[in-house]
Structure formats: C-alpha cells, structure tokens
Protein backbone atom coordinates (compact mmCIF):
# COMPACT_ATOMS: atom_id res chain seq x y z
CA MET A 1 13.95 11.91 -13.51
CA VAL A 2 13.22 15.54 -14.34
CA THR A 3 10.41 16.71 -12.15
CA THR A 4 9.73 20.28 -13.22
CA PRO A 5 7.20 19.37 -15.93
CA GLY A 6 5.44 17.01 -13.53
CA PRO A 7 3.79 13.69 -14.32
CA LEU A 8 2.35 12.92 -17.74
CA GLN A 9 -0.96 11.08 -17.81
CA LEU A 10 -0.79 7.85 -19.79
CA HIS A 11 -4.24 6.37 -19.47
CA THR A 12 -7.31 6.24 -17.26
CA GLN A 13 -9.55 3.25 -16.71
CA ASN A 14 -12.88 5.06 -16.40
CA SER A 15 -16.00 4.21 -14.49
CA ASP A 16 -17.91 4.13 -17.77
CA ASN A 17 -16.55 0.83 -19.06
CA GLU A 18 -16.14 -2.78 -17.97
CA ALA A 19 -12.72 -2.06 -16.50
CA ALA A 20 -14.26 0.15 -13.83
CA HIS A 21 -15.16 -0.51 -10.24
CA PRO A 22 -18.69 0.58 -9.34
CA THR A 23 -17.57 1.95 -5.96
CA ASP A 24 -14.51 3.59 -4.38
CA ILE A 25 -11.25 1.82 -5.20
CA PHE A 26 -9.53 1.31 -1.85
CA ALA A 27 -6.40 -0.57 -2.93
CA ILE A 28 -4.17 -1.27 -5.90
CA ALA A 29 -1.21 -3.65 -5.88
CA PRO A 30 1.39 -4.11 -8.65
CA THR A 31 3.44 -7.01 -9.97
CA LYS A 32 6.04 -6.88 -12.76
CA SER A 33 3.35 -7.24 -15.42
CA SER A 34 0.01 -6.43 -13.82
CA LEU A 35 -1.94 -4.27 -11.41
CA LEU A 36 -4.59 -5.69 -9.11
CA SER A 37 -7.37 -3.47 -7.77
CA ALA A 38 -10.05 -3.82 -5.08
CA SER A 39 -13.02 -1.76 -4.04
CA GLY A 40 -16.21 -1.64 -2.02
CA SER A 41 -17.70 -4.08 -4.53
CA SER A 42 -17.14 -7.82 -4.29
CA HIS A 43 -14.71 -8.17 -7.21
CA ILE A 44 -10.93 -7.90 -7.58
CA ARG A 45 -9.73 -6.88 -11.03
CA VAL A 46 -6.41 -7.42 -12.81
CA PHE A 47 -4.94 -5.10 -15.47
CA ASP A 48 -2.06 -5.78 -17.86
CA THR A 49 0.58 -3.09 -17.28
CA THR A 50 2.79 -4.27 -20.16
CA ASN A 51 0.16 -3.00 -22.62
CA PRO A 52 0.01 0.82 -23.01
CA GLU A 53 -3.80 0.65 -22.83
CA PHE A 54 -3.64 -1.20 -19.49
CA PRO A 55 -6.49 -3.57 -20.43
CA LEU A 56 -8.54 -5.56 -17.96
CA VAL A 57 -7.41 -9.19 -18.23
CA GLN A 58 -9.09 -10.93 -15.30
CA THR A 59 -11.89 -10.40 -12.80
CA LEU A 60 -11.95 -12.39 -9.58
CA ASN A 61 -15.70 -12.48 -9.11
CA GLY A 62 -17.19 -12.47 -5.64
CA ALA A 63 -13.81 -12.30 -3.92
CA HIS A 64 -15.30 -10.48 -0.92
CA LYS A 65 -19.06 -10.33 -0.47
CA LEU A 66 -18.98 -7.09 1.55
CA GLY A 67 -16.16 -5.50 -0.44
CA CYS A 68 -12.39 -5.31 0.01
CA HIS A 69 -10.51 -2.56 1.87
CA HIS A 70 -6.88 -3.77 1.58
CA LEU A 71 -5.04 -5.62 -1.20
CA VAL A 72 -1.30 -6.39 -1.35
CA THR A 73 1.13 -8.36 -3.49
CA SER A 74 4.47 -9.91 -2.61
CA ALA A 75 7.51 -8.21 -4.13
CA ASN A 76 8.33 -11.31 -6.18
CA GLY A 77 4.83 -11.23 -7.69
CA SER A 78 3.89 -14.78 -6.73
CA LYS A 79 1.32 -14.07 -4.02
CA ALA A 80 -1.48 -11.64 -3.26
CA ALA A 81 -3.66 -11.14 -0.21
CA SER A 82 -6.92 -9.26 0.22
CA ALA A 83 -8.82 -8.20 3.35
CA GLY A 84 -12.59 -7.84 3.27
CA PHE A 85 -15.03 -5.81 5.32
CA GLY A 86 -16.40 -9.06 6.76
CA GLY A 87 -13.10 -9.68 8.58
CA GLU A 88 -11.75 -12.34 6.22
CA ILE A 89 -8.31 -12.43 4.57
CA LYS A 90 -7.98 -14.30 1.26
CA LEU A 91 -4.76 -15.55 -0.29
CA TRP A 92 -4.14 -15.67 -4.04
CA SER A 93 -1.37 -17.24 -6.13
CA ALA A 94 -0.17 -16.38 -9.61
CA ALA A 95 -0.19 -19.18 -12.18
CA GLU A 96 2.45 -19.54 -14.89
CA ASP A 97 0.13 -17.89 -17.42
CA GLY A 98 -0.21 -14.84 -15.18
CA THR A 99 -3.75 -15.53 -13.99
CA TRP A 100 -4.65 -15.46 -10.31
CA GLN A 101 -6.24 -18.29 -8.35
CA GLU A 102 -7.64 -18.36 -4.82
CA GLU A 103 -5.39 -20.25 -2.43
CA GLY A 104 -7.43 -20.17 0.76
CA ASN A 105 -8.44 -18.02 3.71
CA ILE A 106 -6.71 -16.72 6.79
CA THR A 107 -9.10 -15.82 9.57
CA ASP A 108 -8.96 -15.08 13.27
CA GLY A 109 -12.55 -15.22 14.38
CA ASN A 110 -13.73 -13.82 11.02
CA LYS A 111 -15.08 -10.69 12.67
CA ALA A 112 -15.13 -7.24 11.14
CA GLY A 113 -12.13 -5.30 12.48
CA GLU A 114 -10.27 -8.44 13.53
CA ALA A 115 -8.18 -8.10 10.37
CA TRP A 116 -7.64 -4.66 8.89
CA ALA A 117 -4.39 -3.57 7.24
CA ILE A 118 -2.23 -6.33 5.72
CA SER A 119 1.28 -6.76 4.31
CA LEU A 120 3.10 -9.65 2.61
CA SER A 121 6.78 -10.57 2.87
CA GLU A 122 8.96 -10.36 -0.24
CA ASP A 123 8.47 -14.04 -1.06
CA GLY A 124 4.83 -14.19 0.06
CA ARG A 125 5.60 -16.68 2.81
CA TYR A 126 4.47 -14.45 5.65
CA LEU A 127 1.53 -12.10 6.12
CA ALA A 128 1.11 -9.49 8.85
CA SER A 129 -2.23 -7.97 9.80
CA THR A 130 -3.53 -5.39 12.25
CA THR A 131 -6.63 -5.49 14.43
CA HIS A 132 -9.12 -3.04 15.90
CA ASP A 133 -7.60 -3.46 19.38
CA GLY A 134 -3.96 -2.91 18.46
CA ARG A 135 -2.64 -6.46 18.08
CA ILE A 136 -0.31 -7.35 15.20
CA ASN A 137 -0.69 -10.91 13.91
CA VAL A 138 1.86 -12.67 11.71
CA TRP A 139 0.82 -15.69 9.65
CA GLU A 140 2.64 -18.36 7.66
CA THR A 141 0.75 -18.41 4.37
CA THR A 142 1.35 -22.04 3.42
CA SER A 143 0.10 -23.56 6.66
CA LYS A 144 -2.18 -20.57 7.32
CA GLU A 145 -1.16 -20.71 10.96
CA LYS A 146 -0.54 -17.72 13.19
CA ILE A 147 3.11 -17.81 14.22
CA ARG A 148 3.44 -14.56 16.17
CA GLU A 149 1.37 -11.91 17.87
CA TYR A 150 2.76 -8.49 18.77
CA GLU A 151 1.08 -6.36 21.42
CA THR A 152 0.81 -2.58 21.28
CA LYS A 153 -1.02 -0.15 23.54
CA GLY A 154 -4.41 -1.16 22.22
CA SER A 155 -5.07 1.47 19.55
CA PHE A 156 -6.64 0.47 16.19
CA GLY A 157 -3.91 -0.54 13.75
CA LEU A 158 -4.66 1.44 10.60
CA SER A 159 -1.51 0.53 8.65
CA ILE A 160 1.23 -2.08 8.53
CA HIS A 161 4.31 -2.93 6.44
CA LEU A 162 6.81 -5.79 6.35
CA SER A 163 10.29 -4.62 5.33
CA LEU A 164 11.63 -5.99 2.05
CA ASP A 165 14.50 -7.77 3.85
CA GLY A 166 12.01 -9.45 6.19
CA ARG A 167 13.65 -8.15 9.36
CA PHE A 168 11.04 -5.68 10.54
CA THR A 169 7.31 -5.12 10.90
CA ALA A 170 6.07 -1.54 11.30
CA SER A 171 2.57 -0.54 12.34
CA GLY A 172 0.73 2.81 12.49
CA HIS A 173 -2.19 3.40 14.82
CA GLU A 174 -5.26 5.54 15.36
CA ASN A 175 -3.69 7.27 18.38
CA GLY A 176 -0.70 8.42 16.30
CA SER A 177 1.71 5.75 17.54
CA VAL A 178 4.27 4.10 15.25
CA TYR A 179 5.97 0.84 16.24
CA ILE A 180 8.81 -1.19 14.71
CA PHE A 181 9.18 -4.86 15.69
CA ASN A 182 12.13 -7.18 15.00
CA ASN A 183 10.76 -10.29 13.28
CA ASP A 184 13.78 -12.40 14.23
CA THR A 185 13.56 -11.78 17.96
CA GLY A 186 9.86 -10.98 18.23
CA ARG A 187 10.69 -7.87 20.25
CA LEU A 188 9.69 -4.22 19.98
CA VAL A 189 12.63 -2.26 18.55
CA HIS A 190 11.23 1.27 18.51
CA SER A 191 8.18 3.11 19.73
CA LEU A 192 8.56 6.12 17.48
CA PRO A 193 7.51 9.70 18.13
CA GLY A 194 4.28 9.76 16.15
CA LEU A 195 2.32 12.51 14.47
CA ILE A 196 -0.21 12.70 17.37
CA LYS A 197 -3.07 12.11 14.96
CA PRO A 198 -4.02 8.80 13.25
CA ILE A 199 -1.31 7.14 11.12
CA ARG A 200 -3.13 5.94 8.00
CA THR A 201 -0.16 4.77 5.96
CA LEU A 202 3.49 3.82 6.37
CA ALA A 203 6.18 2.19 4.25
CA PHE A 204 9.77 1.01 4.58
CA SER A 205 12.21 2.21 1.92
CA PRO A 206 13.54 -0.50 -0.43
CA GLY A 207 16.85 -0.60 1.45
CA CYS A 208 14.94 -0.78 4.76
CA LYS A 209 16.97 2.10 6.18
CA LEU A 210 14.06 4.55 6.33
CA LEU A 211 10.40 4.42 7.31
CA ALA A 212 7.85 6.94 6.05
CA ALA A 213 4.55 7.52 7.88
CA GLY A 214 1.60 9.82 7.19
CA GLY A 215 -1.97 10.45 8.17
CA ASP A 216 -4.33 13.02 9.62
CA ALA A 217 -1.52 15.42 10.58
CA LYS A 218 -1.22 16.17 6.82
CA THR A 219 2.56 15.71 6.99
CA ILE A 220 4.90 12.80 6.26
CA ALA A 221 7.46 11.78 8.88
CA ILE A 222 10.69 10.07 7.82
CA TYR A 223 12.41 7.89 10.43
CA ASP A 224 15.82 6.24 10.57
CA VAL A 225 15.02 2.56 11.18
CA SER A 226 18.30 1.82 12.96
CA SER A 227 18.17 4.63 15.50
CA GLY A 228 14.43 5.35 15.56
CA GLU A 229 15.20 9.04 15.09
CA GLN A 230 12.80 11.22 13.11
CA ILE A 231 15.08 12.76 10.49
CA ALA A 232 12.62 14.75 8.35
CA ILE A 233 9.09 16.07 8.07
CA LEU A 234 7.66 16.53 4.57
CA SER A 235 5.00 19.26 4.49
CA GLY A 236 2.78 20.29 1.61
CA HIS A 237 -0.41 18.28 1.71
CA ALA A 238 -3.51 20.22 2.72
CA ALA A 239 -5.47 17.09 3.67
CA TRP A 240 -4.97 13.71 5.31
CA VAL A 241 -2.22 11.57 3.77
CA MET A 242 -3.90 8.28 2.84
CA SER A 243 -1.20 6.32 0.96
CA LEU A 244 2.60 6.20 0.60
CA ASP A 245 4.88 4.21 -1.71
CA TRP A 246 8.65 4.34 -2.36
CA SER A 247 10.18 4.22 -5.83
CA ALA A 248 12.35 1.17 -6.57
CA THR A 249 15.58 3.08 -5.91
CA GLY A 250 14.33 4.79 -2.77
CA GLU A 251 15.06 8.21 -4.29
CA TYR A 252 11.43 9.26 -4.42
CA LEU A 253 8.34 8.87 -2.28
CA LEU A 254 4.83 8.95 -3.74
CA SER A 255 1.91 10.13 -1.63
CA GLY A 256 -1.83 10.42 -2.11
CA SER A 257 -4.22 12.51 -0.02
CA PHE A 258 -7.85 12.89 0.99
CA ASP A 259 -8.28 15.94 -1.28
CA GLY A 260 -7.31 14.04 -4.44
CA LYS A 261 -3.72 15.26 -4.82
CA ALA A 262 -0.76 13.01 -5.52
CA LYS A 263 2.76 14.25 -4.77
CA VAL A 264 6.25 13.02 -5.62
CA TRP A 265 8.92 13.82 -3.03
CA SER A 266 12.70 13.85 -3.42
CA ILE A 267 14.13 12.20 -0.32
CA GLU A 268 17.58 13.72 -0.85
CA ALA A 269 16.20 17.25 -1.22
CA ARG A 270 13.38 16.56 1.26
CA THR A 271 10.94 18.50 -0.86
CA CYS A 272 7.97 17.96 -3.17
CA VAL A 273 9.14 17.89 -6.78
CA ALA A 274 5.81 17.23 -8.53
CA THR A 275 2.13 17.55 -7.69
CA HIS A 276 -0.78 16.17 -9.63
CA SER A 277 -4.37 17.15 -8.85
CA GLU A 278 -6.07 13.91 -9.82
CA SER A 279 -9.49 15.20 -8.79
CA ASP A 280 -11.24 16.67 -5.80
CA LYS A 281 -12.10 13.15 -4.66
CA THR A 282 -10.11 11.10 -2.18
CA LEU A 283 -7.08 9.15 -3.38
CA TRP A 284 -7.23 6.03 -1.24
CA THR A 285 -4.22 4.38 -2.85
CA VAL A 286 -1.09 5.25 -4.88
CA LYS A 287 1.59 2.86 -6.17
CA TRP A 288 4.75 2.95 -8.27
CA LEU A 289 4.84 0.35 -11.03
CA PRO A 290 7.99 -1.77 -11.50
CA LYS A 291 10.47 0.24 -13.55
CA THR A 292 10.59 -0.72 -17.25
CA GLN A 293 12.45 0.74 -20.21
CA GLY A 294 14.02 3.43 -18.05
CA SER A 295 10.75 5.19 -17.18
CA GLU A 296 9.10 5.72 -13.81
CA LYS A 297 5.35 5.09 -13.80
CA PHE A 298 2.78 5.20 -11.06
CA ALA A 299 -0.92 4.58 -10.62
CA VAL A 300 -3.50 6.31 -8.40
CA ALA A 301 -7.09 5.39 -7.50
CA GLY A 302 -9.81 6.28 -5.07
CA ALA A 303 -13.29 7.75 -4.76
CA GLY A 304 -13.33 8.62 -8.48
CA LYS A 305 -13.86 4.88 -9.17
CA SER A 306 -11.13 4.90 -11.83
CA ILE A 307 -7.42 4.08 -12.02
CA SER A 308 -5.11 6.64 -13.60
CA PHE A 309 -1.62 5.79 -14.82
CA TYR A 310 1.19 8.36 -15.06
CA ARG A 311 4.76 8.60 -16.27
CA GLU A 312 7.18 11.04 -14.73
CA ALA A 313 8.50 13.49 -17.31
CA SER A 314 12.06 12.75 -18.36
CA GLY A 315 14.82 14.74 -19.91
CA SER A 316 18.24 16.23 -19.26
C-alpha cells in the first residue's frame, strides 16, 4: 500500500436514493461479498460489495422499531447480530443465496441500556454484549442462553470485542476503563491503563496480539494483549474517536472521528499515513472490506446518512 496519495473514493450511496438511510447510520458490518448497514430507522440494509456500484440487494424491513445502534457480523460471514434502542438483540443468518434471514432474539429483560455494544465470535457461535451498569454478558447463539457474565466496576460499557481466536473479550467503558477477560477461564486478565475519558471503540488485531482503544481523549492507545502494557499512543484526531478497525494483515488501523475525518495508521511506523475528510459530520462507523484482487478497500458512514467506499492508492 502506498499511502502518500491517500484514499481514492470509489462510490457513495447517497441519501437521495433508495439505498439511503433516512437517519444517521450508526453501524456497518462486512462479509466477503456484502456490507450490512443500520441506522436510527427501523431497517437494516444489505449492499453487494462485489459490484463496483455497491448496489442495494436486500432490505430487512422493521428489524428494530426504535432503530439500531450496533450491528456486527461473524468473521466467517454466516451470522449477524443487531442491537436496537429498545434493548433487544436480533440474530440473523446468511442463506446459501446470500440473503439474510432473522434467526431469533436474545434479550435480558428487554430494557433500553440492558444491551448496548455487541460482538460476535469468528464462527458466530457466541455473542458478547455490554450493559449500562458495566456487566458483560456472553451468549450462546444457537440456544440463545447466557453462558457467562463478567463483572466490572459498574461503568457503562460503550464498546466490546471478541478476539478472532476466541480467547479474549475486551470491553471499554464510560469511565475510561479497559478490561480484557479470558474466555476459557472466565477470569479478568488485565485492567488496562485507560484514556481517563470514555472509551467509545476498541478492537483486537487479527493476530490477537494487540488491542486498540479510542474515545473522547482524541487519541488511540495500543496495548500488548499478553502483558497488558500500553506500547503506543496514536495522536492526530482533533475530535472523539468513534470507530476503529484493523486491516486483514494487522499492518494498518482505520479510525473514524466525531468531526468526520477518517485516518489510516501504520502500526509499524506508529503514524497516520492517510487522512480523508469525509465531511464535517460525525463518522459513527468505519470498516475495512475483505481484501480482493490485491486492493485494500474501506467504507465509512455516519451522520451524513450515506455510505462512502474507498480504495487505498497503490503503486511502487
């Protein structure tokens, strides 16, 4: 990847056509051939990422009556989960023809705030969710039974991520705390030195050796998962960091902020190598797309009510 020229815009799904969401887009989630999106409206939409026009191919009507704030897919692309403002979590499964079907609900009292951030395991078998009072719940998605509950110090869990190897669950909280739990033992592994201010997003690297966390401190902390040591601070955003996502190789980290800027960071150089000013409106969510034909692509979405797709410039 050559980063000097910055990202090249491929396409934008605008708010002026049927592919748009009528309200802020809070979450996007990729599979190998599609991108799912959710917003403050009741629908979830699915776009074909194998087509250069990224057409809308399915709308899941009325998925969440009060809107959807989190949406995730499993790494193998077989499962999706969405969390609504009413407190409900819905599970979705991908059919052989690529369409999505509702598989059922996971609820714990079905109260607003009882389920906030969510994350799926690589195979979609397990789902982790945060709550307003700091608990971390882990569910088995087939039986829809809660199999584990982690306790923290009671601060609102704003973000959560299950590591790709299934060994760890990490959570970020309103009070700036970051925790890593061992899923095999059910024990707390690390209570990490946080960023003092709310942690709105975190993500394990593909190899599960590093954890990135960001939020209202406007910086991104990089932690060593094994030791719990903070090994780097990435500075450059002028507003809250709302979303983080690692590239497939773990070489680059993508971030989106409250002021509408998306940045690509080199982990080896520990510096920003590309910045795109999407708009002056909040980027709630940024995601890399699965790598195809040797090119790195990513998508960003937020308060602009549209999804923009980009390709990193390439060359020698």
